[in-house]
Amino acid sequence: MAILSWLRGKKHFMRRDAVDEFREYAEAELARLRASDQAFDEVLYRQAVDLVLEKLTAHKPAHG
């Protein structure tokens, strides 16, 4: 899945702009898949995106 390839290239997920960048990427990928894949399951895709976002935002780095 393209989302996993995108994630492998990222290093700092806790930055707010990285999470926003992922959301933008996910929306663009959604549009691309809708247009090109008749068997595309949007519900499953959105569940995967939500799971990734949950994992990215769940961990808070320690300051100190």
PDB file of N, CA and C in Angstrom:
ATOM      1  N   MET A   1       0.849  -1.178   0.000  1.00  0.00           N
ATOM      2  CA  MET A   1       0.000   0.000   0.000  1.00  0.00           C
ATOM      3  C   MET A   1       0.896   1.243   0.000  1.00  0.00           C
ATOM      4  N   ALA A   2       0.509   2.223  -0.738  1.00  0.00           N
ATOM      5  CA  ALA A   2       1.308   3.444  -0.879  1.00  0.00           C
ATOM      6  C   ALA A   2       1.503   4.175   0.444  1.00  0.00           C
ATOM      7  N   ILE A   3       0.555   4.062   1.347  1.00  0.00           N
ATOM      8  CA  ILE A   3       0.683   4.733   2.647  1.00  0.00           C
ATOM      9  C   ILE A   3       1.926   4.235   3.373  1.00  0.00           C
ATOM     10  N   LEU A   4       2.154   2.925   3.336  1.00  0.00           N
ATOM     11  CA  LEU A   4       3.309   2.369   4.033  1.00  0.00           C
ATOM     12  C   LEU A   4       4.610   2.849   3.418  1.00  0.00           C
ATOM     13  N   SER A   5       4.653   2.969   2.110  1.00  0.00           N
ATOM     14  CA  SER A   5       5.849   3.510   1.454  1.00  0.00           C
ATOM     15  C   SER A   5       6.092   4.944   1.893  1.00  0.00           C
ATOM     16  N   TRP A   6       5.048   5.729   1.972  1.00  0.00           N
ATOM     17  CA  TRP A   6       5.177   7.125   2.407  1.00  0.00           C
ATOM     18  C   TRP A   6       5.707   7.183   3.837  1.00  0.00           C
ATOM     19  N   LEU A   7       5.167   6.328   4.698  1.00  0.00           N
ATOM     20  CA  LEU A   7       5.574   6.328   6.100  1.00  0.00           C
ATOM     21  C   LEU A   7       7.041   5.967   6.279  1.00  0.00           C
ATOM     22  N   ARG A   8       7.533   5.033   5.472  1.00  0.00           N
ATOM     23  CA  ARG A   8       8.929   4.618   5.591  1.00  0.00           C
ATOM     24  C   ARG A   8       9.889   5.768   5.338  1.00  0.00           C
ATOM     25  N   GLY A   9       9.488   6.717   4.532  1.00  0.00           N
ATOM     26  CA  GLY A   9      10.355   7.840   4.196  1.00  0.00           C
ATOM     27  C   GLY A   9      10.338   8.969   5.206  1.00  0.00           C
ATOM     28  N   LYS A  10       9.481   8.891   6.191  1.00  0.00           N
ATOM     29  CA  LYS A  10       9.345   9.978   7.159  1.00  0.00           C
ATOM     30  C   LYS A  10      10.102   9.663   8.441  1.00  0.00           C
ATOM     31  N   LYS A  11      10.623  10.706   9.071  1.00  0.00           N
ATOM     32  CA  LYS A  11      11.416  10.505  10.281  1.00  0.00           C
ATOM     33  C   LYS A  11      10.787  11.127  11.524  1.00  0.00           C
ATOM     34  N   HIS A  12      10.104  12.231  11.390  1.00  0.00           N
ATOM     35  CA  HIS A  12       9.628  12.975  12.559  1.00  0.00           C
ATOM     36  C   HIS A  12       8.111  13.109  12.522  1.00  0.00           C
ATOM     37  N   PHE A  13       7.415  12.063  12.935  1.00  0.00           N
ATOM     38  CA  PHE A  13       5.961  12.056  12.853  1.00  0.00           C
ATOM     39  C   PHE A  13       5.286  12.907  13.912  1.00  0.00           C
ATOM     40  N   MET A  14       5.980  13.223  14.986  1.00  0.00           N
ATOM     41  CA  MET A  14       5.347  13.957  16.066  1.00  0.00           C
ATOM     42  C   MET A  14       5.197  15.438  15.745  1.00  0.00           C
ATOM     43  N   ARG A  15       5.923  15.921  14.777  1.00  0.00           N
ATOM     44  CA  ARG A  15       5.768  17.324  14.385  1.00  0.00           C
ATOM     45  C   ARG A  15       4.370  17.524  13.821  1.00  0.00           C
ATOM     46  N   ARG A  16       3.742  18.593  14.197  1.00  0.00           N
ATOM     47  CA  ARG A  16       2.386  18.887  13.730  1.00  0.00           C
ATOM     48  C   ARG A  16       2.329  18.934  12.201  1.00  0.00           C
ATOM     49  N   ASP A  17       3.328  19.547  11.583  1.00  0.00           N
ATOM     50  CA  ASP A  17       3.296  19.660  10.127  1.00  0.00           C
ATOM     51  C   ASP A  17       3.444  18.301   9.448  1.00  0.00           C
ATOM     52  N   ALA A  18       4.118  17.352  10.071  1.00  0.00           N
ATOM     53  CA  ALA A  18       4.240  16.015   9.487  1.00  0.00           C
ATOM     54  C   ALA A  18       2.890  15.301   9.495  1.00  0.00           C
ATOM     55  N   VAL A  19       2.129  15.461  10.569  1.00  0.00           N
ATOM     56  CA  VAL A  19       0.802  14.856  10.642  1.00  0.00           C
ATOM     57  C   VAL A  19      -0.114  15.503   9.607  1.00  0.00           C
ATOM     58  N   ASP A  20      -0.047  16.818   9.494  1.00  0.00           N
ATOM     59  CA  ASP A  20      -0.840  17.521   8.480  1.00  0.00           C
ATOM     60  C   ASP A  20      -0.435  17.084   7.076  1.00  0.00           C
ATOM     61  N   GLU A  21       0.863  16.915   6.864  1.00  0.00           N
ATOM     62  CA  GLU A  21       1.349  16.465   5.557  1.00  0.00           C
ATOM     63  C   GLU A  21       0.804  15.080   5.237  1.00  0.00           C
ATOM     64  N   PHE A  22       0.761  14.198   6.238  1.00  0.00           N
ATOM     65  CA  PHE A  22       0.209  12.867   6.020  1.00  0.00           C
ATOM     66  C   PHE A  22      -1.267  12.949   5.647  1.00  0.00           C
ATOM     67  N   ARG A  23      -2.017  13.799   6.337  1.00  0.00           N
ATOM     68  CA  ARG A  23      -3.441  13.953   6.012  1.00  0.00           C
ATOM     69  C   ARG A  23      -3.628  14.417   4.564  1.00  0.00           C
ATOM     70  N   GLU A  24      -2.825  15.383   4.144  1.00  0.00           N
ATOM     71  CA  GLU A  24      -2.903  15.871   2.760  1.00  0.00           C
ATOM     72  C   GLU A  24      -2.558  14.757   1.778  1.00  0.00           C
ATOM     73  N   TYR A  25      -1.512  14.002   2.093  1.00  0.00           N
ATOM     74  CA  TYR A  25      -1.115  12.882   1.242  1.00  0.00           C
ATOM     75  C   TYR A  25      -2.249  11.858   1.147  1.00  0.00           C
ATOM     76  N   ALA A  26      -2.847  11.523   2.291  1.00  0.00           N
ATOM     77  CA  ALA A  26      -3.904  10.517   2.320  1.00  0.00           C
ATOM     78  C   ALA A  26      -5.108  10.952   1.488  1.00  0.00           C
ATOM     79  N   GLU A  27      -5.463  12.222   1.552  1.00  0.00           N
ATOM     80  CA  GLU A  27      -6.585  12.721   0.749  1.00  0.00           C
ATOM     81  C   GLU A  27      -6.268  12.683  -0.745  1.00  0.00           C
ATOM     82  N   ALA A  28      -5.044  13.044  -1.111  1.00  0.00           N
ATOM     83  CA  ALA A  28      -4.640  12.990  -2.519  1.00  0.00           C
ATOM     84  C   ALA A  28      -4.622  11.547  -3.015  1.00  0.00           C
ATOM     85  N   GLU A  29      -4.133  10.649  -2.187  1.00  0.00           N
ATOM     86  CA  GLU A  29      -4.098   9.228  -2.553  1.00  0.00           C
ATOM     87  C   GLU A  29      -5.514   8.683  -2.678  1.00  0.00           C
ATOM     88  N   LEU A  30      -6.413   9.117  -1.813  1.00  0.00           N
ATOM     89  CA  LEU A  30      -7.811   8.707  -1.892  1.00  0.00           C
ATOM     90  C   LEU A  30      -8.412   9.115  -3.237  1.00  0.00           C
ATOM     91  N   ALA A  31      -8.187  10.340  -3.638  1.00  0.00           N
ATOM     92  CA  ALA A  31      -8.709  10.815  -4.924  1.00  0.00           C
ATOM     93  C   ALA A  31      -8.123  10.014  -6.083  1.00  0.00           C
ATOM     94  N   ARG A  32      -6.828   9.730  -6.014  1.00  0.00           N
ATOM     95  CA  ARG A  32      -6.172   8.966  -7.080  1.00  0.00           C
ATOM     96  C   ARG A  32      -6.751   7.558  -7.164  1.00  0.00           C
ATOM     97  N   LEU A  33      -6.925   6.914  -6.025  1.00  0.00           N
ATOM     98  CA  LEU A  33      -7.445   5.550  -6.012  1.00  0.00           C
ATOM     99  C   LEU A  33      -8.902   5.487  -6.459  1.00  0.00           C
ATOM    100  N   ARG A  34      -9.701   6.462  -6.063  1.00  0.00           N
ATOM    101  CA  ARG A  34     -11.100   6.510  -6.522  1.00  0.00           C
ATOM    102  C   ARG A  34     -11.168   6.553  -8.045  1.00  0.00           C
ATOM    103  N   ALA A  35     -10.276   7.332  -8.637  1.00  0.00           N
ATOM    104  CA  ALA A  35     -10.298   7.525 -10.085  1.00  0.00           C
ATOM    105  C   ALA A  35      -9.731   6.336 -10.854  1.00  0.00           C
ATOM    106  N   SER A  36      -8.838   5.574 -10.238  1.00  0.00           N
ATOM    107  CA  SER A  36      -8.120   4.562 -11.010  1.00  0.00           C
ATOM    108  C   SER A  36      -8.431   3.117 -10.642  1.00  0.00           C
ATOM    109  N   ASP A  37      -9.132   2.870  -9.553  1.00  0.00           N
ATOM    110  CA  ASP A  37      -9.324   1.501  -9.086  1.00  0.00           C
ATOM    111  C   ASP A  37     -10.801   1.236  -8.817  1.00  0.00           C
ATOM    112  N   GLN A  38     -11.432   0.469  -9.705  1.00  0.00           N
ATOM    113  CA  GLN A  38     -12.856   0.190  -9.545  1.00  0.00           C
ATOM    114  C   GLN A  38     -13.145  -0.690  -8.336  1.00  0.00           C
ATOM    115  N   ALA A  39     -12.172  -1.481  -7.903  1.00  0.00           N
ATOM    116  CA  ALA A  39     -12.357  -2.371  -6.757  1.00  0.00           C
ATOM    117  C   ALA A  39     -11.926  -1.710  -5.444  1.00  0.00           C
ATOM    118  N   PHE A  40     -11.636  -0.423  -5.491  1.00  0.00           N
ATOM    119  CA  PHE A  40     -11.151   0.306  -4.322  1.00  0.00           C
ATOM    120  C   PHE A  40     -12.197   0.319  -3.215  1.00  0.00           C
ATOM    121  N   ASP A  41     -11.782  -0.022  -2.004  1.00  0.00           N
ATOM    122  CA  ASP A  41     -12.663  -0.033  -0.829  1.00  0.00           C
ATOM    123  C   ASP A  41     -12.351   1.205   0.013  1.00  0.00           C
ATOM    124  N   GLU A  42     -13.154   2.248  -0.147  1.00  0.00           N
ATOM    125  CA  GLU A  42     -12.903   3.512   0.541  1.00  0.00           C
ATOM    126  C   GLU A  42     -13.045   3.378   2.056  1.00  0.00           C
ATOM    127  N   VAL A  43     -13.971   2.575   2.511  1.00  0.00           N
ATOM    128  CA  VAL A  43     -14.151   2.394   3.953  1.00  0.00           C
ATOM    129  C   VAL A  43     -12.887   1.791   4.561  1.00  0.00           C
ATOM    130  N   LEU A  44     -12.354   0.768   3.936  1.00  0.00           N
ATOM    131  CA  LEU A  44     -11.133   0.137   4.424  1.00  0.00           C
ATOM    132  C   LEU A  44      -9.956   1.109   4.382  1.00  0.00           C
ATOM    133  N   TYR A  45      -9.868   1.889   3.313  1.00  0.00           N
ATOM    134  CA  TYR A  45      -8.795   2.881   3.191  1.00  0.00           C
ATOM    135  C   TYR A  45      -8.874   3.903   4.326  1.00  0.00           C
ATOM    136  N   ARG A  46     -10.069   4.424   4.572  1.00  0.00           N
ATOM    137  CA  ARG A  46     -10.226   5.424   5.640  1.00  0.00           C
ATOM    138  C   ARG A  46      -9.925   4.823   7.018  1.00  0.00           C
ATOM    139  N   GLN A  47     -10.273   3.565   7.222  1.00  0.00           N
ATOM    140  CA  GLN A  47      -9.936   2.907   8.484  1.00  0.00           C
ATOM    141  C   GLN A  47      -8.418   2.812   8.648  1.00  0.00           C
ATOM    142  N   ALA A  48      -7.717   2.490   7.570  1.00  0.00           N
ATOM    143  CA  ALA A  48      -6.253   2.408   7.620  1.00  0.00           C
ATOM    144  C   ALA A  48      -5.647   3.775   7.916  1.00  0.00           C
ATOM    145  N   VAL A  49      -6.148   4.807   7.261  1.00  0.00           N
ATOM    146  CA  VAL A  49      -5.649   6.165   7.499  1.00  0.00           C
ATOM    147  C   VAL A  49      -5.909   6.574   8.949  1.00  0.00           C
ATOM    148  N   ASP A  50      -7.100   6.293   9.455  1.00  0.00           N
ATOM    149  CA  ASP A  50      -7.423   6.637  10.845  1.00  0.00           C
ATOM    150  C   ASP A  50      -6.508   5.908  11.824  1.00  0.00           C
ATOM    151  N   LEU A  51      -6.214   4.644  11.544  1.00  0.00           N
ATOM    152  CA  LEU A  51      -5.322   3.881  12.411  1.00  0.00           C
ATOM    153  C   LEU A  51      -3.916   4.477  12.414  1.00  0.00           C
ATOM    154  N   VAL A  52      -3.421   4.839  11.241  1.00  0.00           N
ATOM    155  CA  VAL A  52      -2.097   5.457  11.155  1.00  0.00           C
ATOM    156  C   VAL A  52      -2.084   6.779  11.917  1.00  0.00           C
ATOM    157  N   LEU A  53      -3.098   7.600  11.725  1.00  0.00           N
ATOM    158  CA  LEU A  53      -3.160   8.883  12.439  1.00  0.00           C
ATOM    159  C   LEU A  53      -3.226   8.680  13.950  1.00  0.00           C
ATOM    160  N   GLU A  54      -3.969   7.682  14.378  1.00  0.00           N
ATOM    161  CA  GLU A  54      -4.052   7.386  15.809  1.00  0.00           C
ATOM    162  C   GLU A  54      -2.673   7.018  16.361  1.00  0.00           C
ATOM    163  N   LYS A  55      -1.950   6.189  15.637  1.00  0.00           N
ATOM    164  CA  LYS A  55      -0.614   5.780  16.083  1.00  0.00           C
ATOM    165  C   LYS A  55       0.367   6.952  16.048  1.00  0.00           C
ATOM    166  N   LEU A  56       0.257   7.788  15.041  1.00  0.00           N
ATOM    167  CA  LEU A  56       1.178   8.914  14.919  1.00  0.00           C
ATOM    168  C   LEU A  56       0.975   9.950  16.013  1.00  0.00           C
ATOM    169  N   THR A  57      -0.245  10.115  16.451  1.00  0.00           N
ATOM    170  CA  THR A  57      -0.538  11.161  17.428  1.00  0.00           C
ATOM    171  C   THR A  57      -0.633  10.637  18.859  1.00  0.00           C
ATOM    172  N   ALA A  58      -0.601   9.321  19.066  1.00  0.00           N
ATOM    173  CA  ALA A  58      -0.750   8.745  20.401  1.00  0.00           C
ATOM    174  C   ALA A  58       0.507   8.913  21.246  1.00  0.00           C
ATOM    175  N   HIS A  59       1.662   8.839  20.645  1.00  0.00           N
ATOM    176  CA  HIS A  59       2.921   8.914  21.396  1.00  0.00           C
ATOM    177  C   HIS A  59       3.343  10.364  21.553  1.00  0.00           C
ATOM    178  N   LYS A  60       3.568  10.752  22.769  1.00  0.00           N
ATOM    179  CA  LYS A  60       4.051  12.108  23.045  1.00  0.00           C
ATOM    180  C   LYS A  60       5.508  12.000  23.476  1.00  0.00           C
ATOM    181  N   PRO A  61       6.427  12.612  22.747  1.00  0.00           N
ATOM    182  CA  PRO A  61       7.837  12.523  23.125  1.00  0.00           C
ATOM    183  C   PRO A  61       8.100  13.217  24.464  1.00  0.00           C
ATOM    184  N   ALA A  62       9.016  12.646  25.222  1.00  0.00           N
ATOM    185  CA  ALA A  62       9.381  13.232  26.518  1.00  0.00           C
ATOM    186  C   ALA A  62      10.250  14.458  26.304  1.00  0.00           C
ATOM    187  N   HIS A  63       9.995  15.487  27.075  1.00  0.00           N
ATOM    188  CA  HIS A  63      10.808  16.707  27.008  1.00  0.00           C
ATOM    189  C   HIS A  63      11.714  16.723  28.224  1.00  0.00           C
ATOM    190  N   GLY A  64      12.983  16.989  28.025  1.00  0.00           N
ATOM    191  CA  GLY A  64      13.799  17.083  29.199  1.00  0.00           C
ATOM    192  C   GLY A  64      15.142  16.651  28.947  1.00  0.00           C
TER     193      GLY A  64
END
